[in-house]
Amino acid sequence: MRGAWLLLAVGALLLPACRARRDARPPMAEVRPDLYRDVSTTDTATLAHLGWRQLFTDPRLQALIDSGIANNLDLKVAQARIEQARANVRQSTLGLFPSLSATGQATTQKLADYQGGTNEQVYQLSAASSWEVDLWGKLRGMRRAQLATLMQSEAYRRAVLTQVVAGIAGSYYTLLAYDQQLAITERTVTNRTQDVETMKVLKESDVVTGAAVVQSEANRYSAEVTIPDIKRSIREAENALCVLLGRPPGPIDRGTLDAQVLPDTLRTGIPAQLLADRPDVQEAEHQLRAAYELVGVARAYFYPTLSITAAGGFAGTDLGTLFDPGSVFANLVGGLTQPLFNQGRNRQRLRVAQAQQAEYLADFQATLLDAGEEVSNALYAYEAAARKVQLRGRQVEFLQRSVEYTRELLKYTSTTNYTDVLTSEQNLLAAELNGVGDRLQRLQAVVDLYRSLGGGTR
């Protein structure tokens, strides 16, 4: 009869705990189909599924990305975090099993005269084991939380990888753009140096005045003075790229801006694919999953703990008889402990876990919105840059004609002065430099879109 009452009491304790775990549901994330602005498609083909070698076809850039993946320090930090998380998972798995320890002990004791005044030696060799029975899933929930943390750390490494690949490609393209601007500026300085000589000849022929000669000299130096700044930008870009490569500052082997090839179409897939493709979204999702499991762990602290301990071994006063059958001792203890008052720690643990779950749910939703914003911005940046490249080409074409016409008119008409030539040349240089910036913007938009969709991990 007493056993039946005991079973009923244990069942009454088990029931609410089981209901609490059964009623708990992981938070669901909704990815809105309109996450990408002005993009409506059911096509699941996406730029993210393109390997980075297929997207970045420049052999020199590929070699740099290979070097960055092998040596980037942020990636090494991310890998170290993965190893830490794996150790935690292994420990949480072993926590489901009993602990076991062994003890060897020798004691020498001298008794006082009133106790008999004798010396006594006691020898003991024993083993002890302790096991917490995981009635409420506390240990299993902790293991699932640690596993989610491991997956989060792996997603973090992939997120760092996408940043490294995109960072190297973006820095490489910036470096090529500086090279192109330097080449344009140096060519312009050469042309304007020839203009100075032409102005001197025209002055001797009384076609222009000395003011035109002086203006041509100033025009030449106005271009030449920008060369040191461009070279400084080149060096700084090289140094920044070396940091991504995990090596000291130095020169970078590179190609040319004209040799870079862009994909024919930029496909985004559907927004729901961000859950599978974008590492930082996965990282936020696993973080949320770990928080959900920890809420269940916190609830389990309100229910009884069933623990079983066992010990056994040999004990005696003589080493020679230590392993005799009569020296054997053993004990087995089972205990059920129900927390009654724990200074509010259990309730505090649960409230913190619930608040963290709410925090990570908001973080997850914010990460999705950020991803949608980045994809939308990169798409529009590409479209805007493509349009600018087209218009800039027309502008440069007409400015080149303007320079040629004003130079010819200066030689043969009296209504044209060197100021007209000066203005057209300055406008042409600005347009050519801005044209390089437009092409860089288009390349960078492709890189940004690739990263924002989750590309770079293949």
Protein backbone atom coordinates (compact mmCIF):
# COMPACT_ATOMS: atom_id res chain seq x y z
CA MET A 1 0.00 0.00 0.00
CA ARG A 2 2.80 2.39 0.84
CA GLY A 3 4.45 1.59 -2.50
CA ALA A 4 1.27 2.54 -4.36
CA TRP A 5 1.06 5.89 -2.56
CA LEU A 6 4.72 6.49 -3.37
CA LEU A 7 4.09 5.81 -7.08
CA LEU A 8 1.11 8.16 -7.06
CA ALA A 9 3.20 10.92 -5.46
CA VAL A 10 5.99 10.50 -7.99
CA GLY A 11 3.42 10.50 -10.82
CA ALA A 12 1.88 13.71 -9.51
CA LEU A 13 5.30 15.32 -9.59
CA LEU A 14 6.04 14.01 -13.09
CA LEU A 15 2.79 15.08 -14.72
CA PRO A 16 3.13 18.89 -14.62
CA ALA A 17 6.74 18.70 -15.71
CA CYS A 18 5.90 16.53 -18.71
CA ARG A 19 3.02 18.86 -19.62
CA ALA A 20 5.33 21.86 -19.38
CA ARG A 21 7.78 20.32 -21.84
CA ARG A 22 4.99 19.16 -24.17
CA ASP A 23 3.29 22.57 -24.25
CA ALA A 24 6.52 24.39 -25.02
CA ARG A 25 6.97 25.23 -28.72
CA PRO A 26 10.03 26.61 -30.46
CA PRO A 27 9.51 30.12 -31.84
CA MET A 28 8.67 30.20 -35.52
CA ALA A 29 10.29 32.63 -37.95
CA GLU A 30 8.34 34.04 -40.85
CA VAL A 31 10.28 35.13 -43.93
CA ARG A 32 8.13 37.59 -45.84
CA PRO A 33 8.01 37.16 -49.63
CA ASP A 34 8.37 40.94 -50.08
CA LEU A 35 11.65 41.07 -48.16
CA TYR A 36 13.50 42.22 -51.31
CA ARG A 37 12.25 45.59 -52.47
CA ASP A 38 10.69 45.63 -55.95
CA VAL A 39 11.67 41.98 -56.50
CA SER A 40 8.95 39.41 -57.08
CA THR A 41 10.09 36.00 -58.26
CA THR A 42 9.51 32.30 -57.68
CA ASP A 43 12.80 31.35 -59.30
CA THR A 44 15.02 29.65 -56.73
CA ALA A 45 18.21 30.14 -58.78
CA THR A 46 20.44 32.45 -56.77
CA LEU A 47 23.86 34.00 -57.03
CA ALA A 48 24.65 32.54 -53.60
CA HIS A 49 24.84 29.02 -55.07
CA LEU A 50 27.62 30.07 -57.41
CA GLY A 51 31.08 29.08 -56.18
CA TRP A 52 33.39 32.02 -55.65
CA ARG A 53 35.80 30.69 -58.28
CA GLN A 54 32.98 30.83 -60.81
CA LEU A 55 32.11 34.41 -59.88
CA PHE A 56 35.63 35.78 -59.51
CA THR A 57 37.42 34.49 -62.60
CA ASP A 58 40.59 36.59 -62.34
CA PRO A 59 43.37 34.04 -61.52
CA ARG A 60 45.25 36.58 -59.38
CA LEU A 61 42.13 37.33 -57.36
CA GLN A 62 41.49 33.61 -56.92
CA ALA A 63 45.02 33.14 -55.58
CA LEU A 64 44.49 35.97 -53.10
CA ILE A 65 41.19 34.50 -51.87
CA ASP A 66 42.86 31.09 -51.44
CA SER A 67 45.58 32.73 -49.38
CA GLY A 68 43.04 34.64 -47.30
CA ILE A 69 41.03 31.52 -46.50
CA ALA A 70 44.20 29.76 -45.38
CA ASN A 71 45.69 32.59 -43.32
CA ASN A 72 43.00 35.08 -42.26
CA LEU A 73 43.16 35.58 -38.50
CA ASP A 74 39.42 36.18 -38.05
CA LEU A 75 38.79 32.76 -39.58
CA LYS A 76 41.27 31.21 -37.14
CA VAL A 77 39.40 32.87 -34.25
CA ALA A 78 36.12 31.46 -35.60
CA GLN A 79 37.65 27.97 -35.85
CA ALA A 80 38.84 28.21 -32.23
CA ARG A 81 35.27 29.03 -31.17
CA ILE A 82 34.06 25.91 -32.96
CA GLU A 83 36.55 23.78 -31.00
CA GLN A 84 35.33 25.32 -27.75
CA ALA A 85 31.71 24.55 -28.65
CA ARG A 86 32.60 20.97 -29.59
CA ALA A 87 34.22 20.47 -26.19
CA ASN A 88 31.04 21.72 -24.51
CA VAL A 89 28.90 19.33 -26.57
CA ARG A 90 31.12 16.38 -25.63
CA GLN A 91 30.92 17.30 -21.95
CA SER A 92 27.13 17.76 -22.05
CA THR A 93 26.79 14.32 -23.69
CA LEU A 94 28.91 12.66 -21.00
CA GLY A 95 26.79 14.43 -18.38
CA LEU A 96 24.01 11.93 -19.12
CA PHE A 97 26.16 9.09 -17.75
CA PRO A 98 27.15 8.32 -14.14
CA SER A 99 30.34 9.74 -12.73
CA LEU A 100 32.95 7.30 -11.41
CA SER A 101 35.90 7.89 -9.11
CA ALA A 102 38.42 5.66 -7.33
CA THR A 103 40.16 6.32 -4.03
CA GLY A 104 43.12 4.66 -2.32
CA GLN A 105 43.69 5.72 1.28
CA ALA A 106 46.01 4.79 4.16
CA THR A 107 45.52 6.21 7.66
CA THR A 108 47.80 5.98 10.66
CA GLN A 109 46.23 6.85 14.00
CA LYS A 110 47.74 7.06 17.52
CA LEU A 111 45.29 6.80 20.36
CA ALA A 112 45.69 8.64 23.67
CA ASP A 113 46.60 6.74 26.80
CA TYR A 114 43.05 6.85 28.15
CA GLN A 115 41.94 5.31 24.82
CA GLY A 116 44.38 2.46 25.07
CA GLY A 117 47.53 4.19 23.81
CA THR A 118 47.89 2.01 20.72
CA ASN A 119 48.76 2.82 17.14
CA GLU A 120 46.37 1.82 14.43
CA GLN A 121 46.62 1.69 10.61
CA VAL A 122 43.57 1.64 8.33
CA TYR A 123 43.77 0.88 4.62
CA GLN A 124 40.97 1.47 2.16
CA LEU A 125 40.58 0.98 -1.59
CA SER A 126 37.19 2.06 -2.94
CA ALA A 127 35.20 3.29 -5.94
CA ALA A 128 32.23 5.63 -5.95
CA SER A 129 29.65 6.45 -8.58
CA SER A 130 26.94 9.08 -8.80
CA TRP A 131 24.15 9.46 -11.34
CA GLU A 132 21.46 12.07 -11.74
CA VAL A 133 18.51 10.51 -13.52
CA ASP A 134 17.35 12.92 -16.22
CA LEU A 135 13.64 12.71 -15.42
CA TRP A 136 12.66 16.14 -16.76
CA GLY A 137 15.05 16.42 -19.70
CA LYS A 138 17.28 18.98 -18.00
CA LEU A 139 20.51 17.30 -19.06
CA ARG A 140 19.20 16.46 -22.52
CA GLY A 141 18.00 20.03 -22.93
CA MET A 142 21.43 21.31 -21.97
CA ARG A 143 22.98 19.00 -24.54
CA ARG A 144 20.62 20.28 -27.23
CA ALA A 145 21.46 23.85 -26.25
CA GLN A 146 25.18 23.13 -26.51
CA LEU A 147 24.63 21.45 -29.87
CA ALA A 148 22.75 24.53 -31.09
CA THR A 149 25.64 26.67 -29.86
CA LEU A 150 28.04 24.49 -31.82
CA MET A 151 25.96 24.96 -34.96
CA GLN A 152 25.87 28.67 -34.22
CA SER A 153 29.67 28.80 -34.02
CA GLU A 154 29.94 26.89 -37.31
CA ALA A 155 27.53 29.36 -38.91
CA TYR A 156 29.63 32.19 -37.48
CA ARG A 157 32.70 30.78 -39.22
CA ARG A 158 30.82 30.64 -42.50
CA ALA A 159 29.70 34.23 -41.96
CA VAL A 160 33.31 35.27 -41.41
CA LEU A 161 34.25 33.31 -44.54
CA THR A 162 31.74 35.23 -46.66
CA GLN A 163 33.09 38.49 -45.22
CA VAL A 164 36.67 37.47 -46.00
CA VAL A 165 35.89 36.45 -49.59
CA ALA A 166 33.84 39.59 -50.20
CA GLY A 167 36.39 41.78 -48.42
CA ILE A 168 39.29 40.49 -50.50
CA ALA A 169 37.33 40.84 -53.76
CA GLY A 170 36.13 44.34 -52.87
CA SER A 171 39.60 45.49 -51.83
CA TYR A 172 41.09 43.97 -54.98
CA TYR A 173 38.64 45.84 -57.20
CA THR A 174 39.32 49.07 -55.30
CA LEU A 175 43.03 48.59 -55.91
CA LEU A 176 42.44 48.05 -59.62
CA ALA A 177 40.32 51.21 -59.73
CA TYR A 178 43.14 53.23 -58.15
CA ASP A 179 45.53 51.78 -60.73
CA GLN A 180 43.21 52.87 -63.51
CA GLN A 181 42.82 56.36 -62.07
CA LEU A 182 46.60 56.64 -61.76
CA ALA A 183 47.04 55.59 -65.40
CA ILE A 184 44.43 58.13 -66.55
CA THR A 185 46.03 60.90 -64.51
CA GLU A 186 49.55 60.12 -65.74
CA ARG A 187 48.31 60.06 -69.33
CA THR A 188 46.60 63.39 -68.74
CA VAL A 189 49.81 64.88 -67.34
CA THR A 190 51.68 63.72 -70.46
CA ASN A 191 49.06 65.31 -72.72
CA ARG A 192 49.07 68.56 -70.79
CA THR A 193 52.87 68.70 -70.89
CA GLN A 194 52.55 68.54 -74.67
CA ASP A 195 49.93 71.30 -74.45
CA VAL A 196 52.46 73.52 -72.69
CA GLU A 197 54.87 73.11 -75.58
CA THR A 198 52.08 73.78 -78.05
CA MET A 199 51.10 76.96 -76.22
CA LYS A 200 54.68 78.18 -76.32
CA VAL A 201 54.79 77.68 -80.11
CA LEU A 202 51.46 79.44 -80.54
CA LYS A 203 52.65 82.36 -78.43
CA GLU A 204 55.69 82.78 -80.64
CA SER A 205 53.26 82.93 -83.57
CA ASP A 206 51.14 85.53 -81.69
CA VAL A 207 48.15 83.21 -81.70
CA VAL A 208 47.89 83.18 -77.89
CA THR A 209 49.20 85.39 -75.13
CA GLY A 210 51.64 84.67 -72.33
CA ALA A 211 48.65 84.17 -70.03
CA ALA A 212 47.65 81.08 -72.02
CA VAL A 213 51.14 79.62 -71.59
CA VAL A 214 51.00 80.19 -67.82
CA GLN A 215 47.49 78.69 -67.65
CA SER A 216 48.66 75.60 -69.53
CA GLU A 217 51.50 75.15 -67.04
CA ALA A 218 49.09 75.48 -64.11
CA ASN A 219 46.68 73.07 -65.80
CA ARG A 220 49.43 70.48 -66.07
CA TYR A 221 50.37 70.76 -62.39
CA SER A 222 46.72 70.68 -61.28
CA ALA A 223 46.61 67.11 -62.61
CA GLU A 224 50.09 66.11 -61.53
CA VAL A 225 49.53 67.21 -57.93
CA THR A 226 46.85 64.53 -57.50
CA ILE A 227 49.26 61.68 -58.33
CA PRO A 228 50.87 61.47 -54.82
CA ASP A 229 47.42 61.12 -53.23
CA ILE A 230 46.44 58.36 -55.66
CA LYS A 231 49.69 56.51 -54.95
CA ARG A 232 49.06 56.88 -51.22
CA SER A 233 45.58 55.41 -51.68
CA ILE A 234 47.10 52.51 -53.63
CA ARG A 235 49.57 51.76 -50.87
CA GLU A 236 46.90 51.95 -48.17
CA ALA A 237 44.63 49.65 -50.19
CA GLU A 238 47.49 47.16 -50.56
CA ASN A 239 48.16 47.26 -46.82
CA ALA A 240 44.46 46.77 -45.99
CA LEU A 241 44.30 43.79 -48.35
CA CYS A 242 47.40 42.28 -46.71
CA VAL A 243 45.61 42.38 -43.34
CA LEU A 244 42.77 40.31 -44.82
CA LEU A 245 45.39 37.90 -46.16
CA GLY A 246 46.95 37.55 -42.72
CA ARG A 247 50.36 38.82 -43.78
CA PRO A 248 52.51 41.95 -43.24
CA PRO A 249 51.97 44.97 -45.51
CA GLY A 250 53.50 44.64 -48.97
CA PRO A 251 52.81 44.74 -52.70
CA ILE A 252 49.90 42.86 -54.24
CA ASP A 253 50.11 40.96 -57.52
CA ARG A 254 47.08 42.05 -59.54
CA GLY A 255 45.49 42.34 -62.97
CA THR A 256 43.61 45.23 -64.54
CA LEU A 257 40.16 46.70 -64.14
CA ASP A 258 39.35 46.14 -67.82
CA ALA A 259 39.98 42.39 -67.45
CA GLN A 260 37.26 41.86 -64.83
CA VAL A 261 34.17 39.94 -65.99
CA LEU A 262 30.71 40.27 -64.47
CA PRO A 263 27.91 37.67 -64.56
CA ASP A 264 25.27 38.19 -67.23
CA THR A 265 22.36 38.10 -64.76
CA LEU A 266 22.07 38.67 -61.04
CA ARG A 267 19.59 36.23 -59.51
CA THR A 268 18.45 36.55 -55.92
CA GLY A 269 16.26 33.49 -55.50
CA ILE A 270 13.38 33.81 -53.02
CA PRO A 271 13.74 35.40 -49.56
CA ALA A 272 13.06 32.11 -47.76
CA GLN A 273 16.37 30.80 -49.10
CA LEU A 274 18.19 33.17 -46.75
CA LEU A 275 17.48 30.66 -43.97
CA ALA A 276 19.56 28.07 -45.79
CA ASP A 277 22.12 30.28 -47.56
CA ARG A 278 23.00 33.23 -45.36
CA PRO A 279 25.28 32.25 -42.45
CA ASP A 280 24.45 35.14 -40.12
CA VAL A 281 20.74 34.31 -40.42
CA GLN A 282 21.56 30.69 -39.54
CA GLU A 283 23.72 31.91 -36.67
CA ALA A 284 20.82 33.93 -35.25
CA GLU A 285 18.46 30.98 -35.74
CA HIS A 286 20.75 28.57 -33.83
CA GLN A 287 21.19 31.16 -31.09
CA LEU A 288 17.41 31.33 -30.77
CA ARG A 289 17.21 27.52 -30.68
CA ALA A 290 19.76 27.36 -27.86
CA ALA A 291 17.78 29.95 -25.90
CA TYR A 292 14.58 27.92 -26.36
CA GLU A 293 16.29 24.80 -24.98
CA LEU A 294 17.63 26.75 -22.00
CA VAL A 295 14.09 27.83 -21.11
CA GLY A 296 13.20 24.13 -20.80
CA VAL A 297 16.32 23.54 -18.71
CA ALA A 298 15.33 26.40 -16.40
CA ARG A 299 11.84 24.94 -15.95
CA ALA A 300 13.31 21.56 -15.00
CA TYR A 301 14.96 23.11 -11.93
CA PHE A 302 11.50 23.47 -10.34
CA TYR A 303 11.01 19.69 -10.21
CA PRO A 304 12.56 16.98 -8.05
CA THR A 305 16.01 15.64 -8.71
CA LEU A 306 16.46 11.88 -8.58
CA SER A 307 20.02 10.90 -7.84
CA ILE A 308 21.59 7.51 -7.24
CA THR A 309 24.94 7.08 -5.54
CA ALA A 310 26.90 3.92 -4.96
CA ALA A 311 30.21 3.16 -3.27
CA GLY A 312 32.12 -0.01 -2.56
CA GLY A 313 35.56 -1.43 -2.00
CA PHE A 314 37.90 -2.99 0.55
CA ALA A 315 38.86 -1.72 4.01
CA GLY A 316 41.01 -3.22 6.75
CA THR A 317 43.82 -2.71 9.23
CA ASP A 318 46.22 -5.09 7.53
CA LEU A 319 47.40 -4.91 3.93
CA GLY A 320 47.76 -8.67 3.84
CA THR A 321 44.07 -9.23 4.46
CA LEU A 322 42.78 -6.15 2.60
CA PHE A 323 41.30 -8.19 -0.26
CA ASP A 324 39.71 -10.87 1.93
CA PRO A 325 35.95 -11.35 1.49
CA GLY A 326 35.39 -10.00 4.96
CA SER A 327 36.96 -6.63 4.03
CA VAL A 328 34.39 -5.85 1.37
CA PHE A 329 31.98 -2.97 1.99
CA ALA A 330 29.30 -1.43 -0.28
CA ASN A 331 26.38 0.95 -0.16
CA LEU A 332 23.69 2.14 -2.56
CA VAL A 333 21.62 5.28 -1.97
CA GLY A 334 18.73 6.67 -4.01
CA GLY A 335 17.35 10.09 -3.24
CA LEU A 336 14.58 12.36 -4.53
CA THR A 337 15.08 16.05 -3.77
CA GLN A 338 12.28 18.57 -4.31
CA PRO A 339 13.35 22.24 -4.16
CA LEU A 340 11.14 24.21 -1.76
CA PHE A 341 12.96 27.48 -1.20
CA ASN A 342 16.10 28.38 -3.14
CA GLN A 343 16.23 32.13 -2.53
CA GLY A 344 14.46 32.79 -5.80
CA ARG A 345 17.29 31.39 -7.94
CA ASN A 346 15.08 28.99 -9.90
CA ARG A 347 12.54 31.67 -10.76
CA GLN A 348 15.32 34.10 -11.63
CA ARG A 349 16.93 31.49 -13.89
CA LEU A 350 13.64 30.93 -15.74
CA ARG A 351 12.89 34.64 -16.18
CA VAL A 352 16.38 35.31 -17.52
CA ALA A 353 16.08 32.40 -19.97
CA GLN A 354 12.66 33.61 -21.18
CA ALA A 355 13.95 37.17 -21.59
CA GLN A 356 16.96 35.91 -23.54
CA GLN A 357 14.69 33.90 -25.81
CA ALA A 358 12.63 37.03 -26.51
CA GLU A 359 15.84 38.98 -27.12
CA TYR A 360 17.22 36.42 -29.58
CA LEU A 361 13.88 36.19 -31.39
CA ALA A 362 14.03 39.95 -31.96
CA ASP A 363 17.68 39.61 -33.04
CA PHE A 364 16.68 36.90 -35.52
CA GLN A 365 13.92 39.02 -36.99
CA ALA A 366 16.27 42.02 -37.21
CA THR A 367 18.90 39.91 -38.96
CA LEU A 368 16.34 38.93 -41.60
CA LEU A 369 15.36 42.55 -42.13
CA ASP A 370 19.01 43.58 -42.40
CA ALA A 371 19.55 40.86 -44.99
CA GLY A 372 16.58 42.08 -47.02
CA GLU A 373 17.89 45.64 -46.86
CA GLU A 374 21.38 44.62 -47.99
CA VAL A 375 20.08 42.59 -50.93
CA SER A 376 17.75 45.41 -51.98
CA ASN A 377 20.48 48.03 -51.73
CA ALA A 378 23.01 45.92 -53.65
CA LEU A 379 20.54 45.25 -56.48
CA TYR A 380 19.68 48.91 -56.87
CA ALA A 381 23.33 49.93 -56.59
CA TYR A 382 24.15 47.59 -59.47
CA GLU A 383 21.31 48.96 -61.60
CA ALA A 384 22.30 52.56 -60.82
CA ALA A 385 25.97 51.88 -61.56
CA ALA A 386 25.13 50.15 -64.86
CA ARG A 387 23.08 53.14 -65.91
CA LYS A 388 25.85 55.53 -64.87
CA VAL A 389 28.45 53.56 -66.82
CA GLN A 390 26.30 53.88 -69.93
CA LEU A 391 25.72 57.61 -69.50
CA ARG A 392 29.30 58.31 -68.47
CA GLY A 393 30.56 56.69 -71.64
CA ARG A 394 28.50 59.14 -73.67
CA GLN A 395 29.74 62.04 -71.55
CA VAL A 396 33.41 61.06 -72.01
CA GLU A 397 32.88 60.62 -75.75
CA PHE A 398 31.51 64.14 -76.18
CA LEU A 399 34.07 65.70 -73.84
CA GLN A 400 36.87 64.14 -75.88
CA ARG A 401 35.40 65.76 -78.97
CA SER A 402 35.09 69.03 -77.07
CA VAL A 403 38.79 68.97 -76.19
CA GLU A 404 39.76 68.21 -79.77
CA TYR A 405 37.51 70.93 -81.23
CA THR A 406 38.59 73.65 -78.83
CA ARG A 407 42.25 72.88 -79.44
CA GLU A 408 41.74 73.17 -83.19
CA LEU A 409 39.67 76.32 -82.85
CA LEU A 410 42.38 77.88 -80.67
CA LYS A 411 44.85 77.52 -83.53
CA TYR A 412 42.70 78.97 -86.27
CA THR A 413 40.16 81.40 -84.79
CA SER A 414 40.42 84.49 -82.68
CA THR A 415 37.13 83.90 -80.86
CA THR A 416 38.50 80.93 -78.88
CA ASN A 417 40.95 81.30 -75.99
CA TYR A 418 42.81 78.81 -73.83
CA THR A 419 40.19 79.04 -71.08
CA ASP A 420 37.84 77.03 -73.30
CA VAL A 421 40.51 74.35 -73.76
CA LEU A 422 41.27 74.39 -70.05
CA THR A 423 37.62 73.92 -69.09
CA SER A 424 37.06 71.06 -71.53
CA GLU A 425 40.24 69.27 -70.42
CA GLN A 426 39.35 69.55 -66.74
CA ASN A 427 35.83 68.27 -67.42
CA LEU A 428 37.22 65.35 -69.41
CA LEU A 429 39.61 64.31 -66.63
CA ALA A 430 36.86 64.47 -64.01
CA ALA A 431 34.53 62.42 -66.21
CA GLU A 432 37.17 59.75 -66.87
CA LEU A 433 37.98 59.44 -63.16
CA ASN A 434 34.30 59.29 -62.29
CA GLY A 435 33.86 56.64 -64.96
CA VAL A 436 36.36 54.46 -63.11
CA GLY A 437 34.33 55.03 -59.94
CA ASP A 438 31.16 53.95 -61.75
CA ARG A 439 32.74 50.70 -62.88
CA LEU A 440 34.05 50.08 -59.38
CA GLN A 441 30.57 50.70 -57.99
CA ARG A 442 29.13 48.08 -60.31
CA LEU A 443 31.78 45.52 -59.36
CA GLN A 444 31.33 46.28 -55.67
CA ALA A 445 27.55 45.93 -56.01
CA VAL A 446 28.03 42.39 -57.36
CA VAL A 447 30.33 41.57 -54.45
CA ASP A 448 27.85 43.04 -51.94
CA LEU A 449 24.94 41.14 -53.47
CA TYR A 450 26.92 37.90 -53.44
CA ARG A 451 27.76 38.35 -49.77
CA SER A 452 24.27 39.52 -48.75
CA LEU A 453 22.71 36.43 -50.35
CA GLY A 454 25.12 34.18 -48.44
CA GLY A 455 27.60 33.43 -51.21
CA GLY A 456 31.27 32.72 -50.66
CA THR A 457 31.11 29.52 -48.63
CA ARG A 458 31.43 27.22 -51.65
